Amino acid sequence: MGSVNVIFIISAFVLGGLVILKRDSMAPKLRRGMAIASIILIAFAFFLIVYSFLTMGT
């Protein structure tokens, strides 16, 4: 797994955590947009994790 992938995975999960922790202090429209963006980024991060495990031996 490349270092760029690791940085992306960490930042996606940190963004998701921040959205969860700060959901009360964000505006409703911003909260919805950030939540959707976080879901998409975390789903792609999971895909990268699974893909890197599948291609580990090659």
Protein backbone atom coordinates (compact mmCIF):
# COMPACT_ATOMS: atom_id res chain seq x y z
CA MET A 1 0.00 0.00 0.00
CA GLY A 2 1.44 3.31 -1.05
CA SER A 3 1.96 6.18 1.31
CA VAL A 4 -0.57 8.29 -0.60
CA ASN A 5 -3.24 5.65 0.03
CA VAL A 6 -2.42 5.53 3.74
CA ILE A 7 -2.65 9.32 4.01
CA PHE A 8 -6.00 9.32 2.18
CA ILE A 9 -7.42 6.55 4.38
CA ILE A 10 -6.36 8.30 7.58
CA SER A 11 -7.72 11.66 6.43
CA ALA A 12 -11.05 10.14 5.33
CA PHE A 13 -11.60 8.53 8.72
CA VAL A 14 -10.52 11.69 10.55
CA LEU A 15 -12.99 13.74 8.51
CA GLY A 16 -15.74 11.27 9.35
CA GLY A 17 -14.85 11.46 13.03
CA LEU A 18 -14.85 15.25 13.00
CA VAL A 19 -18.27 15.35 11.34
CA ILE A 20 -19.61 13.02 14.03
CA LEU A 21 -18.01 14.93 16.91
CA LYS A 22 -18.90 18.43 15.69
CA ARG A 23 -22.37 17.72 14.26
CA ASP A 24 -24.08 19.95 16.85
CA SER A 25 -22.03 23.04 16.02
CA MET A 26 -22.38 22.85 12.20
CA ALA A 27 -25.12 24.46 10.14
CA PRO A 28 -27.73 21.94 8.90
CA LYS A 29 -26.94 22.38 5.19
CA LEU A 30 -23.21 22.15 5.81
CA ARG A 31 -23.71 19.13 8.06
CA ARG A 32 -25.64 17.23 5.37
CA GLY A 33 -23.07 18.02 2.67
CA MET A 34 -20.14 17.09 4.89
CA ALA A 35 -21.85 13.86 5.94
CA ILE A 36 -22.44 12.80 2.33
CA ALA A 37 -18.87 13.68 1.38
CA SER A 38 -17.55 11.77 4.40
CA ILE A 39 -19.60 8.68 3.52
CA ILE A 40 -18.27 8.70 -0.04
CA LEU A 41 -14.66 9.17 1.07
CA ILE A 42 -14.88 6.49 3.77
CA ALA A 43 -16.46 4.03 1.32
CA PHE A 44 -13.61 4.66 -1.12
CA ALA A 45 -11.10 4.23 1.72
CA PHE A 46 -12.63 0.84 2.53
CA PHE A 47 -12.35 -0.07 -1.15
CA LEU A 48 -8.66 0.88 -1.10
CA ILE A 49 -8.08 -1.23 2.02
CA VAL A 50 -9.77 -4.29 0.50
CA TYR A 51 -8.02 -3.79 -2.84
CA SER A 52 -4.63 -3.52 -1.18
CA PHE A 53 -5.27 -6.75 0.77
CA LEU A 54 -6.29 -8.56 -2.42
CA THR A 55 -3.22 -7.41 -4.34
CA MET A 56 -0.77 -7.84 -1.48
CA GLY A 57 0.82 -11.04 -2.78
CA THR A 58 1.36 -9.91 -6.35
